[in-house]
Amino acid sequence: CCGLMIVFTKKNALLILMGIELMLNAANLNLVLFNRQQTGMDGQLFALFVILVAVCEAAVGIAIILRVYHYFKSAVPDQVSDLKEHE
């Protein structure tokens, strides 16, 4: 709930990325907690896979945000409305 609220209310792209990461971590917590009721490790392995995907997503997201900030001098998605105009 907090991650979703951050994504919808914040204007900074880095804070939006942090909200997405918070939602992914909440999903991982649910996977691990629901896995405790079973004998296998399927939930924990799936949570590990989600963590790996989240790390890759964060690295690519931060790289894009840094490149956009370097080019437009702003990390606010509303101010960077159309990338094709500034080629």
C-alpha atoms as a PDB file:
ATOM      1  CA  CYS A   1       0.000   0.000   0.000  1.00  0.00           C
ATOM      2  CA  CYS A   2       2.813   2.427   0.858  1.00  0.00           C
ATOM      3  CA  GLY A   3       4.706   1.672  -2.352  1.00  0.00           C
ATOM      4  CA  LEU A   4       1.606   2.229  -4.438  1.00  0.00           C
ATOM      5  CA  MET A   5       0.938   5.518  -2.655  1.00  0.00           C
ATOM      6  CA  ILE A   6       4.515   6.647  -3.336  1.00  0.00           C
ATOM      7  CA  VAL A   7       4.217   5.777  -7.037  1.00  0.00           C
ATOM      8  CA  PHE A   8       0.974   7.728  -7.436  1.00  0.00           C
ATOM      9  CA  THR A   9       1.821  10.788  -5.335  1.00  0.00           C
ATOM     10  CA  LYS A  10       5.504  11.548  -5.892  1.00  0.00           C
ATOM     11  CA  LYS A  11       6.760  13.549  -8.860  1.00  0.00           C
ATOM     12  CA  ASN A  12      10.448  12.595  -8.757  1.00  0.00           C
ATOM     13  CA  ALA A  13      11.418   9.614 -10.939  1.00  0.00           C
ATOM     14  CA  LEU A  14      13.842   8.274  -8.337  1.00  0.00           C
ATOM     15  CA  LEU A  15      11.127   8.250  -5.665  1.00  0.00           C
ATOM     16  CA  ILE A  16       8.777   6.473  -8.069  1.00  0.00           C
ATOM     17  CA  LEU A  17      11.458   3.825  -8.612  1.00  0.00           C
ATOM     18  CA  MET A  18      11.834   3.465  -4.847  1.00  0.00           C
ATOM     19  CA  GLY A  19       8.067   2.949  -4.532  1.00  0.00           C
ATOM     20  CA  ILE A  20       8.196   0.181  -7.129  1.00  0.00           C
ATOM     21  CA  GLU A  21      11.045  -1.483  -5.234  1.00  0.00           C
ATOM     22  CA  LEU A  22       9.016  -1.250  -2.023  1.00  0.00           C
ATOM     23  CA  MET A  23       6.100  -3.036  -3.713  1.00  0.00           C
ATOM     24  CA  LEU A  24       8.420  -5.780  -4.991  1.00  0.00           C
ATOM     25  CA  ASN A  25       9.858  -6.270  -1.504  1.00  0.00           C
ATOM     26  CA  ALA A  26       6.348  -6.542  -0.063  1.00  0.00           C
ATOM     27  CA  ALA A  27       5.554  -9.240  -2.623  1.00  0.00           C
ATOM     28  CA  ASN A  28       8.741 -11.080  -1.636  1.00  0.00           C
ATOM     29  CA  LEU A  29       7.768 -10.939   2.015  1.00  0.00           C
ATOM     30  CA  ASN A  30       4.385 -12.454   1.165  1.00  0.00           C
ATOM     31  CA  LEU A  31       6.028 -15.225  -0.859  1.00  0.00           C
ATOM     32  CA  VAL A  32       8.376 -16.163   1.965  1.00  0.00           C
ATOM     33  CA  LEU A  33       5.649 -16.036   4.626  1.00  0.00           C
ATOM     34  CA  PHE A  34       3.224 -18.136   2.597  1.00  0.00           C
ATOM     35  CA  ASN A  35       6.016 -20.632   1.912  1.00  0.00           C
ATOM     36  CA  ARG A  36       6.420 -21.306   5.647  1.00  0.00           C
ATOM     37  CA  GLN A  37       3.142 -23.252   5.568  1.00  0.00           C
ATOM     38  CA  GLN A  38       4.561 -25.684   2.986  1.00  0.00           C
ATOM     39  CA  THR A  39       7.512 -28.046   3.128  1.00  0.00           C
ATOM     40  CA  GLY A  40       9.159 -27.052  -0.170  1.00  0.00           C
ATOM     41  CA  MET A  41      11.290 -24.062  -1.001  1.00  0.00           C
ATOM     42  CA  ASP A  42       9.346 -22.931  -4.052  1.00  0.00           C
ATOM     43  CA  GLY A  43       8.244 -19.626  -2.530  1.00  0.00           C
ATOM     44  CA  GLN A  44      11.742 -18.761  -1.364  1.00  0.00           C
ATOM     45  CA  LEU A  45      13.257 -19.560  -4.747  1.00  0.00           C
ATOM     46  CA  PHE A  46      10.613 -17.477  -6.479  1.00  0.00           C
ATOM     47  CA  ALA A  47      11.305 -14.629  -4.027  1.00  0.00           C
ATOM     48  CA  LEU A  48      15.015 -14.892  -4.870  1.00  0.00           C
ATOM     49  CA  PHE A  49      14.154 -14.676  -8.563  1.00  0.00           C
ATOM     50  CA  VAL A  50      12.013 -11.576  -7.925  1.00  0.00           C
ATOM     51  CA  ILE A  51      14.902 -10.011  -5.980  1.00  0.00           C
ATOM     52  CA  LEU A  52      17.260 -10.625  -8.906  1.00  0.00           C
ATOM     53  CA  VAL A  53      14.792  -9.078 -11.341  1.00  0.00           C
ATOM     54  CA  ALA A  54      14.297  -6.110  -8.984  1.00  0.00           C
ATOM     55  CA  VAL A  55      18.050  -5.496  -8.812  1.00  0.00           C
ATOM     56  CA  CYS A  56      18.310  -5.504 -12.598  1.00  0.00           C
ATOM     57  CA  GLU A  57      15.269  -3.239 -12.866  1.00  0.00           C
ATOM     58  CA  ALA A  58      16.751  -0.823 -10.337  1.00  0.00           C
ATOM     59  CA  ALA A  59      20.099  -0.698 -12.138  1.00  0.00           C
ATOM     60  CA  VAL A  60      18.491  -0.009 -15.508  1.00  0.00           C
ATOM     61  CA  GLY A  61      16.029   2.461 -13.977  1.00  0.00           C
ATOM     62  CA  ILE A  62      18.738   4.443 -12.214  1.00  0.00           C
ATOM     63  CA  ALA A  63      20.837   4.498 -15.389  1.00  0.00           C
ATOM     64  CA  ILE A  64      17.882   5.869 -17.365  1.00  0.00           C
ATOM     65  CA  ILE A  65      17.092   8.441 -14.674  1.00  0.00           C
ATOM     66  CA  LEU A  66      20.720   9.621 -14.585  1.00  0.00           C
ATOM     67  CA  ARG A  67      20.849   9.908 -18.375  1.00  0.00           C
ATOM     68  CA  VAL A  68      17.569  11.851 -18.498  1.00  0.00           C
ATOM     69  CA  TYR A  69      18.759  14.108 -15.666  1.00  0.00           C
ATOM     70  CA  HIS A  70      22.051  14.744 -17.465  1.00  0.00           C
ATOM     71  CA  TYR A  71      20.221  15.654 -20.672  1.00  0.00           C
ATOM     72  CA  PHE A  72      17.206  17.615 -19.329  1.00  0.00           C
ATOM     73  CA  LYS A  73      18.564  18.779 -15.924  1.00  0.00           C
ATOM     74  CA  SER A  74      15.398  17.416 -14.312  1.00  0.00           C
ATOM     75  CA  ALA A  75      14.255  14.081 -12.886  1.00  0.00           C
ATOM     76  CA  VAL A  76      10.558  15.002 -12.834  1.00  0.00           C
ATOM     77  CA  PRO A  77       8.673  12.926 -15.441  1.00  0.00           C
ATOM     78  CA  ASP A  78       6.129  15.715 -16.066  1.00  0.00           C
ATOM     79  CA  GLN A  79       8.875  18.111 -17.157  1.00  0.00           C
ATOM     80  CA  VAL A  80      10.360  15.516 -19.499  1.00  0.00           C
ATOM     81  CA  SER A  81       7.209  15.133 -21.545  1.00  0.00           C
ATOM     82  CA  ASP A  82       8.500  14.336 -25.009  1.00  0.00           C
ATOM     83  CA  LEU A  83      11.963  12.938 -25.612  1.00  0.00           C
ATOM     84  CA  LYS A  84      11.745  13.152 -29.416  1.00  0.00           C
ATOM     85  CA  GLU A  85      11.565  16.959 -29.431  1.00  0.00           C
ATOM     86  CA  HIS A  86      15.089  17.244 -28.005  1.00  0.00           C
ATOM     87  CA  GLU A  87      17.049  14.995 -30.404  1.00  0.00           C
END
